[in-house]
C-alpha cells in the first residue's frame, strides 16, 4: 500500500486546523451541484459506514445527518477525494430538496453584478 497522500491508495484525509474537510455534493443522475458542506473525521466515517451523508455544522458546532429532520436523506452512491485529500466529493441520490430553504440545490441564485437572480 502506497502511503503517498497525493498518488497513493491510502485514505489519509488532510483536515484543516478546525478538523474539517470540504464536502461537495452532486446528484448522481443529473450531475447537478446540490450543496457544499464540511465533514470532520466522525462525519466522514459515519458516511462511509452508513451510506448516508453526515456533516459537521460549523454554525451549530455539531454533527448532523442530512435529512434527519426533513426526511430529505442523501443516499451516497460514490465518494471521491481530491489529490491532496482535503476535499471530498459525494455523489448522491437525494430523497428531496438539498437546501434548507426547500430549493433542490443550495445554488439556486446567480450573481448578476451586485444582485442575486433566482433561477426560473
PDB file of N, CA and C in Angstrom:
ATOM      1  N   UNK A   1       0.850  -1.177   0.000  1.00  0.00           N
ATOM      2  CA  UNK A   1       0.000   0.000   0.000  1.00  0.00           C
ATOM      3  C   UNK A   1       0.894   1.238   0.000  1.00  0.00           C
ATOM      4  N   UNK A   2       0.701   2.106  -0.972  1.00  0.00           N
ATOM      5  CA  UNK A   2       1.476   3.341  -1.063  1.00  0.00           C
ATOM      6  C   UNK A   2       0.939   4.359  -0.069  1.00  0.00           C
ATOM      7  N   UNK A   3       1.831   4.990   0.678  1.00  0.00           N
ATOM      8  CA  UNK A   3       1.414   5.957   1.689  1.00  0.00           C
ATOM      9  C   UNK A   3       1.515   7.398   1.201  1.00  0.00           C
ATOM     10  N   UNK A   4       1.908   7.611  -0.033  1.00  0.00           N
ATOM     11  CA  UNK A   4       1.981   8.971  -0.547  1.00  0.00           C
ATOM     12  C   UNK A   4       0.556   9.526  -0.649  1.00  0.00           C
ATOM     13  N   UNK A   5       0.285  10.638   0.039  1.00  0.00           N
ATOM     14  CA  UNK A   5      -1.069  11.206   0.106  1.00  0.00           C
ATOM     15  C   UNK A   5      -1.610  11.562  -1.278  1.00  0.00           C
ATOM     16  N   UNK A   6      -0.753  12.084  -2.164  1.00  0.00           N
ATOM     17  CA  UNK A   6      -1.248  12.589  -3.447  1.00  0.00           C
ATOM     18  C   UNK A   6      -1.376  11.535  -4.535  1.00  0.00           C
ATOM     19  N   UNK A   7      -0.644  10.448  -4.454  1.00  0.00           N
ATOM     20  CA  UNK A   7      -0.743   9.449  -5.517  1.00  0.00           C
ATOM     21  C   UNK A   7      -0.974   8.037  -4.995  1.00  0.00           C
ATOM     22  N   UNK A   8      -0.967   7.875  -3.687  1.00  0.00           N
ATOM     23  CA  UNK A   8      -1.104   6.552  -3.089  1.00  0.00           C
ATOM     24  C   UNK A   8      -2.537   6.062  -3.025  1.00  0.00           C
ATOM     25  N   UNK A   9      -2.698   4.895  -2.405  1.00  0.00           N
ATOM     26  CA  UNK A   9      -4.014   4.274  -2.325  1.00  0.00           C
ATOM     27  C   UNK A   9      -4.554   4.204  -0.892  1.00  0.00           C
ATOM     28  N   UNK A  10      -3.982   4.984   0.007  1.00  0.00           N
ATOM     29  CA  UNK A  10      -4.430   5.002   1.391  1.00  0.00           C
ATOM     30  C   UNK A  10      -5.247   6.260   1.671  1.00  0.00           C
ATOM     31  N   UNK A  11      -6.413   6.077   2.283  1.00  0.00           N
ATOM     32  CA  UNK A  11      -7.242   7.222   2.658  1.00  0.00           C
ATOM     33  C   UNK A  11      -6.600   7.894   3.866  1.00  0.00           C
ATOM     34  N   UNK A  12      -6.117   9.122   3.651  1.00  0.00           N
ATOM     35  CA  UNK A  12      -5.471   9.907   4.704  1.00  0.00           C
ATOM     36  C   UNK A  12      -5.924  11.358   4.577  1.00  0.00           C
ATOM     37  N   UNK A  13      -7.183  11.638   4.932  1.00  0.00           N
ATOM     38  CA  UNK A  13      -7.704  12.995   4.762  1.00  0.00           C
ATOM     39  C   UNK A  13      -6.833  14.032   5.470  1.00  0.00           C
ATOM     40  N   UNK A  14      -6.679  15.174   4.810  1.00  0.00           N
ATOM     41  CA  UNK A  14      -5.915  16.284   5.380  1.00  0.00           C
ATOM     42  C   UNK A  14      -6.924  17.299   5.909  1.00  0.00           C
ATOM     43  N   UNK A  15      -7.259  17.160   7.186  1.00  0.00           N
ATOM     44  CA  UNK A  15      -8.208  18.050   7.824  1.00  0.00           C
ATOM     45  C   UNK A  15      -7.545  19.391   8.102  1.00  0.00           C
ATOM     46  N   UNK A  16      -8.333  20.468   8.048  1.00  0.00           N
ATOM     47  CA  UNK A  16      -7.787  21.798   8.320  1.00  0.00           C
ATOM     48  C   UNK A  16      -7.566  21.984   9.827  1.00  0.00           C
ATOM     49  N   UNK A  17      -7.197  23.177  10.230  1.00  0.00           N
ATOM     50  CA  UNK A  17      -6.879  23.450  11.633  1.00  0.00           C
ATOM     51  C   UNK A  17      -8.084  23.264  12.554  1.00  0.00           C
ATOM     52  N   UNK A  18      -9.290  23.257  11.980  1.00  0.00           N
ATOM     53  CA  UNK A  18     -10.507  23.031  12.769  1.00  0.00           C
ATOM     54  C   UNK A  18     -10.983  21.587  12.667  1.00  0.00           C
ATOM     55  N   UNK A  19     -10.170  20.742  12.018  1.00  0.00           N
ATOM     56  CA  UNK A  19     -10.512  19.328  11.898  1.00  0.00           C
ATOM     57  C   UNK A  19     -11.536  19.023  10.826  1.00  0.00           C
ATOM     58  N   UNK A  20     -11.608  19.864   9.777  1.00  0.00           N
ATOM     59  CA  UNK A  20     -12.635  19.719   8.744  1.00  0.00           C
ATOM     60  C   UNK A  20     -12.050  19.566   7.347  1.00  0.00           C
ATOM     61  N   UNK A  21     -12.805  18.894   6.498  1.00  0.00           N
ATOM     62  CA  UNK A  21     -12.558  18.879   5.054  1.00  0.00           C
ATOM     63  C   UNK A  21     -13.836  19.382   4.390  1.00  0.00           C
ATOM     64  N   UNK A  22     -13.694  19.976   3.220  1.00  0.00           N
ATOM     65  CA  UNK A  22     -14.836  20.437   2.442  1.00  0.00           C
ATOM     66  C   UNK A  22     -15.494  19.243   1.771  1.00  0.00           C
ATOM     67  N   UNK A  23     -16.816  19.236   1.748  1.00  0.00           N
ATOM     68  CA  UNK A  23     -17.575  18.175   1.085  1.00  0.00           C
ATOM     69  C   UNK A  23     -18.465  18.795   0.018  1.00  0.00           C
ATOM     70  N   UNK A  24     -18.262  18.394  -1.212  1.00  0.00           N
ATOM     71  CA  UNK A  24     -19.065  18.842  -2.350  1.00  0.00           C
ATOM     72  C   UNK A  24     -20.039  17.718  -2.670  1.00  0.00           C
ATOM     73  N   UNK A  25     -21.319  18.071  -2.844  1.00  0.00           N
ATOM     74  CA  UNK A  25     -22.353  17.060  -3.049  1.00  0.00           C
ATOM     75  C   UNK A  25     -23.058  17.310  -4.382  1.00  0.00           C
ATOM     76  N   UNK A  26     -23.094  16.273  -5.224  1.00  0.00           N
ATOM     77  CA  UNK A  26     -23.788  16.363  -6.508  1.00  0.00           C
ATOM     78  C   UNK A  26     -24.808  15.236  -6.638  1.00  0.00           C
ATOM     79  N   UNK A  27     -25.798  15.481  -7.488  1.00  0.00           N
ATOM     80  CA  UNK A  27     -26.809  14.469  -7.796  1.00  0.00           C
ATOM     81  C   UNK A  27     -26.173  13.416  -8.701  1.00  0.00           C
ATOM     82  N   UNK A  28     -26.311  12.151  -8.324  1.00  0.00           N
ATOM     83  CA  UNK A  28     -25.697  11.066  -9.095  1.00  0.00           C
ATOM     84  C   UNK A  28     -26.206  11.022 -10.528  1.00  0.00           C
ATOM     85  N   UNK A  29     -27.481  11.263 -10.726  1.00  0.00           N
ATOM     86  CA  UNK A  29     -28.084  11.130 -12.046  1.00  0.00           C
ATOM     87  C   UNK A  29     -27.831  12.346 -12.933  1.00  0.00           C
ATOM     88  N   UNK A  30     -28.125  13.533 -12.428  1.00  0.00           N
ATOM     89  CA  UNK A  30     -28.042  14.747 -13.254  1.00  0.00           C
ATOM     90  C   UNK A  30     -26.667  15.401 -13.218  1.00  0.00           C
ATOM     91  N   UNK A  31     -25.885  15.136 -12.186  1.00  0.00           N
ATOM     92  CA  UNK A  31     -24.605  15.807 -12.018  1.00  0.00           C
ATOM     93  C   UNK A  31     -24.730  17.197 -11.413  1.00  0.00           C
ATOM     94  N   UNK A  32     -25.960  17.623 -11.107  1.00  0.00           N
ATOM     95  CA  UNK A  32     -26.188  18.955 -10.556  1.00  0.00           C
ATOM     96  C   UNK A  32     -25.500  19.113  -9.201  1.00  0.00           C
ATOM     97  N   UNK A  33     -24.873  20.275  -9.009  1.00  0.00           N
ATOM     98  CA  UNK A  33     -24.277  20.608  -7.721  1.00  0.00           C
ATOM     99  C   UNK A  33     -25.404  20.907  -6.749  1.00  0.00           C
ATOM    100  N   UNK A  34     -25.473  20.141  -5.657  1.00  0.00           N
ATOM    101  CA  UNK A  34     -26.556  20.303  -4.698  1.00  0.00           C
ATOM    102  C   UNK A  34     -26.158  21.150  -3.498  1.00  0.00           C
ATOM    103  N   UNK A  35     -24.980  20.917  -2.958  1.00  0.00           N
ATOM    104  CA  UNK A  35     -24.567  21.647  -1.766  1.00  0.00           C
ATOM    105  C   UNK A  35     -23.075  21.484  -1.518  1.00  0.00           C
ATOM    106  N   UNK A  36     -22.558  22.358  -0.668  1.00  0.00           N
ATOM    107  CA  UNK A  36     -21.192  22.275  -0.167  1.00  0.00           C
ATOM    108  C   UNK A  36     -21.297  22.356   1.349  1.00  0.00           C
ATOM    109  N   UNK A  37     -20.627  21.459   2.029  1.00  0.00           N
ATOM    110  CA  UNK A  37     -20.671  21.424   3.487  1.00  0.00           C
ATOM    111  C   UNK A  37     -19.285  21.037   3.992  1.00  0.00           C
ATOM    112  N   UNK A  38     -19.208  20.678   5.257  1.00  0.00           N
ATOM    113  CA  UNK A  38     -17.929  20.276   5.851  1.00  0.00           C
ATOM    114  C   UNK A  38     -18.102  18.973   6.607  1.00  0.00           C
ATOM    115  N   UNK A  39     -17.024  18.215   6.674  1.00  0.00           N
ATOM    116  CA  UNK A  39     -17.027  16.954   7.407  1.00  0.00           C
ATOM    117  C   UNK A  39     -15.830  16.924   8.339  1.00  0.00           C
ATOM    118  N   UNK A  40     -16.054  16.413   9.549  1.00  0.00           N
ATOM    119  CA  UNK A  40     -14.917  16.089  10.411  1.00  0.00           C
ATOM    120  C   UNK A  40     -14.683  14.587  10.251  1.00  0.00           C
ATOM    121  N   UNK A  41     -13.730  14.038  10.996  1.00  0.00           N
ATOM    122  CA  UNK A  41     -13.395  12.617  10.838  1.00  0.00           C
ATOM    123  C   UNK A  41     -14.592  11.730  11.148  1.00  0.00           C
ATOM    124  N   UNK A  42     -15.366  12.083  12.169  1.00  0.00           N
ATOM    125  CA  UNK A  42     -16.520  11.282  12.544  1.00  0.00           C
ATOM    126  C   UNK A  42     -17.590  11.302  11.453  1.00  0.00           C
ATOM    127  N   UNK A  43     -17.857  12.471  10.879  1.00  0.00           N
ATOM    128  CA  UNK A  43     -18.846  12.575   9.797  1.00  0.00           C
ATOM    129  C   UNK A  43     -18.406  11.758   8.582  1.00  0.00           C
ATOM    130  N   UNK A  44     -17.133  11.818   8.272  1.00  0.00           N
ATOM    131  CA  UNK A  44     -16.604  11.042   7.148  1.00  0.00           C
ATOM    132  C   UNK A  44     -16.774   9.552   7.417  1.00  0.00           C
ATOM    133  N   UNK A  45     -16.407   9.109   8.607  1.00  0.00           N
ATOM    134  CA  UNK A  45     -16.545   7.693   8.965  1.00  0.00           C
ATOM    135  C   UNK A  45     -18.003   7.248   8.936  1.00  0.00           C
ATOM    136  N   UNK A  46     -18.899   8.061   9.497  1.00  0.00           N
ATOM    137  CA  UNK A  46     -20.323   7.694   9.523  1.00  0.00           C
ATOM    138  C   UNK A  46     -20.894   7.608   8.112  1.00  0.00           C
ATOM    139  N   UNK A  47     -20.457   8.510   7.242  1.00  0.00           N
ATOM    140  CA  UNK A  47     -20.917   8.483   5.853  1.00  0.00           C
ATOM    141  C   UNK A  47     -20.444   7.212   5.167  1.00  0.00           C
ATOM    142  N   UNK A  48     -19.179   6.884   5.346  1.00  0.00           N
ATOM    143  CA  UNK A  48     -18.626   5.663   4.743  1.00  0.00           C
ATOM    144  C   UNK A  48     -19.361   4.434   5.279  1.00  0.00           C
ATOM    145  N   UNK A  49     -19.558   4.382   6.586  1.00  0.00           N
ATOM    146  CA  UNK A  49     -20.174   3.211   7.219  1.00  0.00           C
ATOM    147  C   UNK A  49     -21.665   3.065   6.916  1.00  0.00           C
ATOM    148  N   UNK A  50     -22.397   4.185   6.872  1.00  0.00           N
ATOM    149  CA  UNK A  50     -23.853   4.118   6.734  1.00  0.00           C
ATOM    150  C   UNK A  50     -24.350   4.234   5.301  1.00  0.00           C
ATOM    151  N   UNK A  51     -23.547   4.864   4.428  1.00  0.00           N
ATOM    152  CA  UNK A  51     -24.013   5.110   3.064  1.00  0.00           C
ATOM    153  C   UNK A  51     -24.963   6.288   2.964  1.00  0.00           C
ATOM    154  N   UNK A  52     -25.108   7.028   4.062  1.00  0.00           N
ATOM    155  CA  UNK A  52     -25.924   8.239   4.069  1.00  0.00           C
ATOM    156  C   UNK A  52     -25.046   9.409   4.497  1.00  0.00           C
ATOM    157  N   UNK A  53     -25.347  10.604   3.973  1.00  0.00           N
ATOM    158  CA  UNK A  53     -24.490  11.774   4.164  1.00  0.00           C
ATOM    159  C   UNK A  53     -24.593  12.360   5.570  1.00  0.00           C
ATOM    160  N   UNK A  54     -23.439  12.490   6.226  1.00  0.00           N
ATOM    161  CA  UNK A  54     -23.293  13.133   7.529  1.00  0.00           C
ATOM    162  C   UNK A  54     -22.330  14.297   7.375  1.00  0.00           C
ATOM    163  N   UNK A  55     -22.547  15.368   8.118  1.00  0.00           N
ATOM    164  CA  UNK A  55     -21.700  16.548   8.030  1.00  0.00           C
ATOM    165  C   UNK A  55     -21.442  17.127   9.413  1.00  0.00           C
ATOM    166  N   UNK A  56     -20.542  18.113   9.454  1.00  0.00           N
ATOM    167  CA  UNK A  56     -20.287  18.887  10.665  1.00  0.00           C
ATOM    168  C   UNK A  56     -20.819  20.287  10.422  1.00  0.00           C
ATOM    169  N   UNK A  57     -21.698  20.746  11.288  1.00  0.00           N
ATOM    170  CA  UNK A  57     -22.234  22.101  11.181  1.00  0.00           C
ATOM    171  C   UNK A  57     -21.301  23.059  11.897  1.00  0.00           C
ATOM    172  N   UNK A  58     -20.680  23.949  11.142  1.00  0.00           N
ATOM    173  CA  UNK A  58     -19.800  24.943  11.758  1.00  0.00           C
ATOM    174  C   UNK A  58     -20.606  25.936  12.579  1.00  0.00           C
ATOM    175  N   UNK A  59     -21.815  26.288  12.131  1.00  0.00           N
ATOM    176  CA  UNK A  59     -22.609  27.281  12.853  1.00  0.00           C
ATOM    177  C   UNK A  59     -23.197  26.723  14.152  1.00  0.00           C
ATOM    178  N   UNK A  60     -23.593  25.453  14.135  1.00  0.00           N
ATOM    179  CA  UNK A  60     -24.179  24.849  15.332  1.00  0.00           C
ATOM    180  C   UNK A  60     -23.156  24.102  16.178  1.00  0.00           C
ATOM    181  N   UNK A  61     -21.983  23.843  15.593  1.00  0.00           N
ATOM    182  CA  UNK A  61     -20.935  23.134  16.319  1.00  0.00           C
ATOM    183  C   UNK A  61     -21.297  21.708  16.665  1.00  0.00           C
ATOM    184  N   UNK A  62     -21.963  21.019  15.716  1.00  0.00           N
ATOM    185  CA  UNK A  62     -22.328  19.628  15.975  1.00  0.00           C
ATOM    186  C   UNK A  62     -22.510  18.857  14.678  1.00  0.00           C
ATOM    187  N   UNK A  63     -22.525  17.527  14.820  1.00  0.00           N
ATOM    188  CA  UNK A  63     -22.750  16.638  13.682  1.00  0.00           C
ATOM    189  C   UNK A  63     -24.211  16.713  13.267  1.00  0.00           C
ATOM    190  N   UNK A  64     -24.458  16.478  11.979  1.00  0.00           N
ATOM    191  CA  UNK A  64     -25.837  16.367  11.515  1.00  0.00           C
ATOM    192  C   UNK A  64     -25.907  15.424  10.324  1.00  0.00           C
ATOM    193  N   UNK A  65     -26.974  14.664  10.313  1.00  0.00           N
ATOM    194  CA  UNK A  65     -27.238  13.760   9.201  1.00  0.00           C
ATOM    195  C   UNK A  65     -28.205  14.466   8.272  1.00  0.00           C
ATOM    196  N   UNK A  66     -27.861  14.566   7.017  1.00  0.00           N
ATOM    197  CA  UNK A  66     -28.738  15.208   6.048  1.00  0.00           C
ATOM    198  C   UNK A  66     -30.064  14.463   6.009  1.00  0.00           C
ATOM    199  N   UNK A  67     -31.136  15.186   6.302  1.00  0.00           N
ATOM    200  CA  UNK A  67     -32.466  14.611   6.278  1.00  0.00           C
ATOM    201  C   UNK A  67     -32.966  14.129   7.624  1.00  0.00           C
ATOM    202  N   UNK A  68     -32.173  14.293   8.688  1.00  0.00           N
ATOM    203  CA  UNK A  68     -32.614  13.770   9.989  1.00  0.00           C
ATOM    204  C   UNK A  68     -33.889  14.450  10.490  1.00  0.00           C
ATOM    205  N   UNK A  69     -34.134  15.696  10.106  1.00  0.00           N
ATOM    206  CA  UNK A  69     -35.392  16.347  10.499  1.00  0.00           C
ATOM    207  C   UNK A  69     -36.349  16.501   9.320  1.00  0.00           C
ATOM    208  N   UNK A  70     -35.822  16.716   8.117  1.00  0.00           N
ATOM    209  CA  UNK A  70     -36.677  16.947   6.947  1.00  0.00           C
ATOM    210  C   UNK A  70     -37.102  15.659   6.249  1.00  0.00           C
ATOM    211  N   UNK A  71     -36.344  14.595   6.449  1.00  0.00           N
ATOM    212  CA  UNK A  71     -36.601  13.360   5.716  1.00  0.00           C
ATOM    213  C   UNK A  71     -35.911  13.325   4.364  1.00  0.00           C
ATOM    214  N   UNK A  72     -35.223  14.420   3.999  1.00  0.00           N
ATOM    215  CA  UNK A  72     -34.548  14.513   2.701  1.00  0.00           C
ATOM    216  C   UNK A  72     -33.135  13.925   2.780  1.00  0.00           C
ATOM    217  N   UNK A  73     -33.074  12.638   3.090  1.00  0.00           N
ATOM    218  CA  UNK A  73     -31.814  11.920   3.242  1.00  0.00           C
ATOM    219  C   UNK A  73     -31.087  11.851   1.906  1.00  0.00           C
ATOM    220  N   UNK A  74     -29.769  11.881   1.973  1.00  0.00           N
ATOM    221  CA  UNK A  74     -28.953  11.724   0.774  1.00  0.00           C
ATOM    222  C   UNK A  74     -28.249  10.369   0.853  1.00  0.00           C
ATOM    223  N   UNK A  75     -28.637   9.466  -0.026  1.00  0.00           N
ATOM    224  CA  UNK A  75     -28.023   8.143  -0.107  1.00  0.00           C
ATOM    225  C   UNK A  75     -26.770   8.275  -0.967  1.00  0.00           C
ATOM    226  N   UNK A  76     -25.621   7.988  -0.402  1.00  0.00           N
ATOM    227  CA  UNK A  76     -24.345   8.146  -1.095  1.00  0.00           C
ATOM    228  C   UNK A  76     -24.101   6.943  -2.001  1.00  0.00           C
ATOM    229  N   UNK A  77     -23.882   7.224  -3.291  1.00  0.00           N
ATOM    230  CA  UNK A  77     -23.620   6.150  -4.247  1.00  0.00           C
ATOM    231  C   UNK A  77     -22.132   6.048  -4.583  1.00  0.00           C
ATOM    232  N   UNK A  78     -21.406   7.137  -4.376  1.00  0.00           N
ATOM    233  CA  UNK A  78     -19.966   7.129  -4.635  1.00  0.00           C
ATOM    234  C   UNK A  78     -19.325   8.265  -3.862  1.00  0.00           C
ATOM    235  N   UNK A  79     -18.130   7.997  -3.341  1.00  0.00           N
ATOM    236  CA  UNK A  79     -17.341   9.031  -2.673  1.00  0.00           C
ATOM    237  C   UNK A  79     -15.982   9.109  -3.345  1.00  0.00           C
ATOM    238  N   UNK A  80     -15.531  10.337  -3.552  1.00  0.00           N
ATOM    239  CA  UNK A  80     -14.202  10.579  -4.106  1.00  0.00           C
ATOM    240  C   UNK A  80     -13.496  11.594  -3.225  1.00  0.00           C
ATOM    241  N   UNK A  81     -12.170  11.591  -3.307  1.00  0.00           N
ATOM    242  CA  UNK A  81     -11.385  12.570  -2.568  1.00  0.00           C
ATOM    243  C   UNK A  81     -10.399  13.197  -3.535  1.00  0.00           C
ATOM    244  N   UNK A  82     -10.111  14.489  -3.367  1.00  0.00           N
ATOM    245  CA  UNK A  82      -9.212  15.153  -4.313  1.00  0.00           C
ATOM    246  C   UNK A  82      -7.767  14.722  -4.066  1.00  0.00           C
ATOM    247  N   UNK A  83      -6.869  15.208  -4.929  1.00  0.00           N
ATOM    248  CA  UNK A  83      -5.485  14.730  -4.952  1.00  0.00           C
ATOM    249  C   UNK A  83      -4.739  14.921  -3.642  1.00  0.00           C
ATOM    250  N   UNK A  84      -4.967  16.027  -2.939  1.00  0.00           N
ATOM    251  CA  UNK A  84      -4.247  16.204  -1.674  1.00  0.00           C
ATOM    252  C   UNK A  84      -5.119  15.866  -0.468  1.00  0.00           C
ATOM    253  N   UNK A  85      -6.264  15.266  -0.712  1.00  0.00           N
ATOM    254  CA  UNK A  85      -7.149  14.705   0.297  1.00  0.00           C
ATOM    255  C   UNK A  85      -7.678  15.730   1.302  1.00  0.00           C
ATOM    256  N   UNK A  86      -7.963  16.953   0.809  1.00  0.00           N
ATOM    257  CA  UNK A  86      -8.572  17.940   1.698  1.00  0.00           C
ATOM    258  C   UNK A  86      -9.979  18.338   1.258  1.00  0.00           C
ATOM    259  N   UNK A  87     -10.533  17.624   0.279  1.00  0.00           N
ATOM    260  CA  UNK A  87     -11.911  17.851  -0.165  1.00  0.00           C
ATOM    261  C   UNK A  87     -12.504  16.521  -0.615  1.00  0.00           C
ATOM    262  N   UNK A  88     -13.767  16.317  -0.266  1.00  0.00           N
ATOM    263  CA  UNK A  88     -14.481  15.084  -0.585  1.00  0.00           C
ATOM    264  C   UNK A  88     -15.629  15.420  -1.527  1.00  0.00           C
ATOM    265  N   UNK A  89     -15.880  14.530  -2.483  1.00  0.00           N
ATOM    266  CA  UNK A  89     -16.989  14.675  -3.420  1.00  0.00           C
ATOM    267  C   UNK A  89     -17.950  13.517  -3.183  1.00  0.00           C
ATOM    268  N   UNK A  90     -19.188  13.839  -2.850  1.00  0.00           N
ATOM    269  CA  UNK A  90     -20.213  12.828  -2.659  1.00  0.00           C
ATOM    270  C   UNK A  90     -21.174  12.862  -3.838  1.00  0.00           C
ATOM    271  N   UNK A  91     -21.359  11.723  -4.479  1.00  0.00           N
ATOM    272  CA  UNK A  91     -22.397  11.577  -5.495  1.00  0.00           C
ATOM    273  C   UNK A  91     -23.557  10.897  -4.777  1.00  0.00           C
ATOM    274  N   UNK A  92     -24.740  11.501  -4.853  1.00  0.00           N
ATOM    275  CA  UNK A  92     -25.859  11.029  -4.041  1.00  0.00           C
ATOM    276  C   UNK A  92     -27.142  10.856  -4.833  1.00  0.00           C
ATOM    277  N   UNK A  93     -28.030  10.061  -4.267  1.00  0.00           N
ATOM    278  CA  UNK A  93     -29.424  10.004  -4.687  1.00  0.00           C
ATOM    279  C   UNK A  93     -30.192  10.736  -3.596  1.00  0.00           C
ATOM    280  N   UNK A  94     -30.621  11.984  -3.856  1.00  0.00           N
ATOM    281  CA  UNK A  94     -31.328  12.746  -2.827  1.00  0.00           C
ATOM    282  C   UNK A  94     -32.797  12.326  -2.736  1.00  0.00           C
ATOM    283  N   UNK A  95     -33.302  12.287  -1.495  1.00  0.00           N
ATOM    284  CA  UNK A  95     -34.707  11.929  -1.278  1.00  0.00           C
ATOM    285  C   UNK A  95     -35.617  13.146  -1.373  1.00  0.00           C
ATOM    286  N   UNK A  96     -35.042  14.323  -1.564  1.00  0.00           N
ATOM    287  CA  UNK A  96     -35.824  15.552  -1.658  1.00  0.00           C
ATOM    288  C   UNK A  96     -34.888  16.722  -1.847  1.00  0.00           C
ATOM    289  N   UNK A  97     -35.371  17.932  -1.604  1.00  0.00           N
ATOM    290  CA  UNK A  97     -34.524  19.120  -1.774  1.00  0.00           C
ATOM    291  C   UNK A  97     -33.268  19.052  -0.913  1.00  0.00           C
ATOM    292  N   UNK A  98     -32.161  19.551  -1.451  1.00  0.00           N
ATOM    293  CA  UNK A  98     -30.902  19.582  -0.698  1.00  0.00           C
ATOM    294  C   UNK A  98     -30.846  20.783   0.234  1.00  0.00           C
ATOM    295  N   UNK A  99     -31.461  21.873  -0.168  1.00  0.00           N
ATOM    296  CA  UNK A  99     -31.334  23.126   0.568  1.00  0.00           C
ATOM    297  C   UNK A  99     -32.372  23.242   1.680  1.00  0.00           C
ATOM    298  N   UNK A 100     -31.955  23.808   2.794  1.00  0.00           N
ATOM    299  CA  UNK A 100     -32.881  24.007   3.913  1.00  0.00           C
ATOM    300  C   UNK A 100     -33.994  25.003   3.572  1.00  0.00           C
ATOM    301  N   UNK A 101     -33.840  25.752   2.466  1.00  0.00           N
ATOM    302  CA  UNK A 101     -34.884  26.686   2.028  1.00  0.00           C
ATOM    303  C   UNK A 101     -35.982  25.979   1.240  1.00  0.00           C
ATOM    304  N   UNK A 102     -35.759  24.693   0.931  1.00  0.00           N
ATOM    305  CA  UNK A 102     -36.715  23.943   0.122  1.00  0.00           C
ATOM    306  C   UNK A 102     -36.350  23.877  -1.342  1.00  0.00           C
ATOM    307  N   UNK A 103     -35.295  24.568  -1.734  1.00  0.00           N
ATOM    308  CA  UNK A 103     -34.818  24.526  -3.128  1.00  0.00           C
ATOM    309  C   UNK A 103     -34.094  23.203  -3.374  1.00  0.00           C
ATOM    310  N   UNK A 104     -34.150  22.737  -4.606  1.00  0.00           N
ATOM    311  CA  UNK A 104     -33.493  21.476  -4.968  1.00  0.00           C
ATOM    312  C   UNK A 104     -31.993  21.526  -4.689  1.00  0.00           C
ATOM    313  N   UNK A 105     -31.372  22.662  -4.996  1.00  0.00           N
ATOM    314  CA  UNK A 105     -29.943  22.869  -4.799  1.00  0.00           C
ATOM    315  C   UNK A 105     -29.748  24.131  -3.967  1.00  0.00           C
ATOM    316  N   UNK A 106     -28.682  24.157  -3.203  1.00  0.00           N
ATOM    317  CA  UNK A 106     -28.338  25.373  -2.453  1.00  0.00           C
ATOM    318  C   UNK A 106     -27.884  26.488  -3.398  1.00  0.00           C
ATOM    319  N   UNK A 107     -27.583  26.141  -4.643  1.00  0.00           N
ATOM    320  CA  UNK A 107     -27.074  27.104  -5.620  1.00  0.00           C
ATOM    321  C   UNK A 107     -28.179  27.506  -6.593  1.00  0.00           C
ATOM    322  N   UNK A 108     -29.265  28.057  -6.076  1.00  0.00           N
ATOM    323  CA  UNK A 108     -30.439  28.394  -6.883  1.00  0.00           C
ATOM    324  C   UNK A 108     -30.451  29.848  -7.337  1.00  0.00           C
ATOM    325  N   UNK A 109     -29.399  30.624  -7.006  1.00  0.00           N
ATOM    326  CA  UNK A 109     -29.320  32.032  -7.437  1.00  0.00           C
ATOM    327  C   UNK A 109     -28.014  32.286  -8.179  1.00  0.00           C
ATOM    328  N   UNK A 110     -28.104  33.109  -9.206  1.00  0.00           N
ATOM    329  CA  UNK A 110     -26.927  33.543  -9.958  1.00  0.00           C
ATOM    330  C   UNK A 110     -26.507  34.928  -9.476  1.00  0.00           C
ATOM    331  N   UNK A 111     -25.223  35.201  -9.522  1.00  0.00           N
ATOM    332  CA  UNK A 111     -24.726  36.546  -9.222  1.00  0.00           C
ATOM    333  C   UNK A 111     -24.780  37.352 -10.505  1.00  0.00           C
ATOM    334  N   UNK A 112     -25.503  38.450 -10.471  1.00  0.00           N
ATOM    335  CA  UNK A 112     -25.626  39.347 -11.617  1.00  0.00           C
ATOM    336  C   UNK A 112     -25.095  40.708 -11.173  1.00  0.00           C
ATOM    337  N   UNK A 113     -23.805  40.871 -11.310  1.00  0.00           N
ATOM    338  CA  UNK A 113     -23.098  42.063 -10.843  1.00  0.00           C
ATOM    339  C   UNK A 113     -23.272  42.247  -9.340  1.00  0.00           C
ATOM    340  N   UNK A 114     -24.160  43.127  -8.892  1.00  0.00           N
ATOM    341  CA  UNK A 114     -24.289  43.409  -7.469  1.00  0.00           C
ATOM    342  C   UNK A 114     -25.603  42.886  -6.878  1.00  0.00           C
ATOM    343  N   UNK A 115     -26.268  41.966  -7.586  1.00  0.00           N
ATOM    344  CA  UNK A 115     -27.504  41.415  -7.058  1.00  0.00           C
ATOM    345  C   UNK A 115     -27.604  39.920  -7.379  1.00  0.00           C
ATOM    346  N   UNK A 116     -28.577  39.282  -6.771  1.00  0.00           N
ATOM    347  CA  UNK A 116     -28.790  37.865  -6.978  1.00  0.00           C
ATOM    348  C   UNK A 116     -30.068  37.651  -7.767  1.00  0.00           C
ATOM    349  N   UNK A 117     -30.010  36.721  -8.723  1.00  0.00           N
ATOM    350  CA  UNK A 117     -31.160  36.416  -9.570  1.00  0.00           C
ATOM    351  C   UNK A 117     -31.511  34.943  -9.386  1.00  0.00           C
ATOM    352  N   UNK A 118     -32.758  34.703  -9.016  1.00  0.00           N
ATOM    353  CA  UNK A 118     -33.224  33.324  -8.836  1.00  0.00           C
ATOM    354  C   UNK A 118     -33.394  32.651 -10.193  1.00  0.00           C
ATOM    355  N   UNK A 119     -33.112  31.377 -10.242  1.00  0.00           N
ATOM    356  CA  UNK A 119     -33.379  30.593 -11.450  1.00  0.00           C
ATOM    357  C   UNK A 119     -34.879  30.542 -11.675  1.00  0.00           C
ATOM    358  N   UNK A 120     -35.266  30.515 -12.922  1.00  0.00           N
ATOM    359  CA  UNK A 120     -36.697  30.473 -13.246  1.00  0.00           C
ATOM    360  C   UNK A 120     -37.267  29.092 -13.024  1.00  0.00           C
TER     361      UNK A 120
END
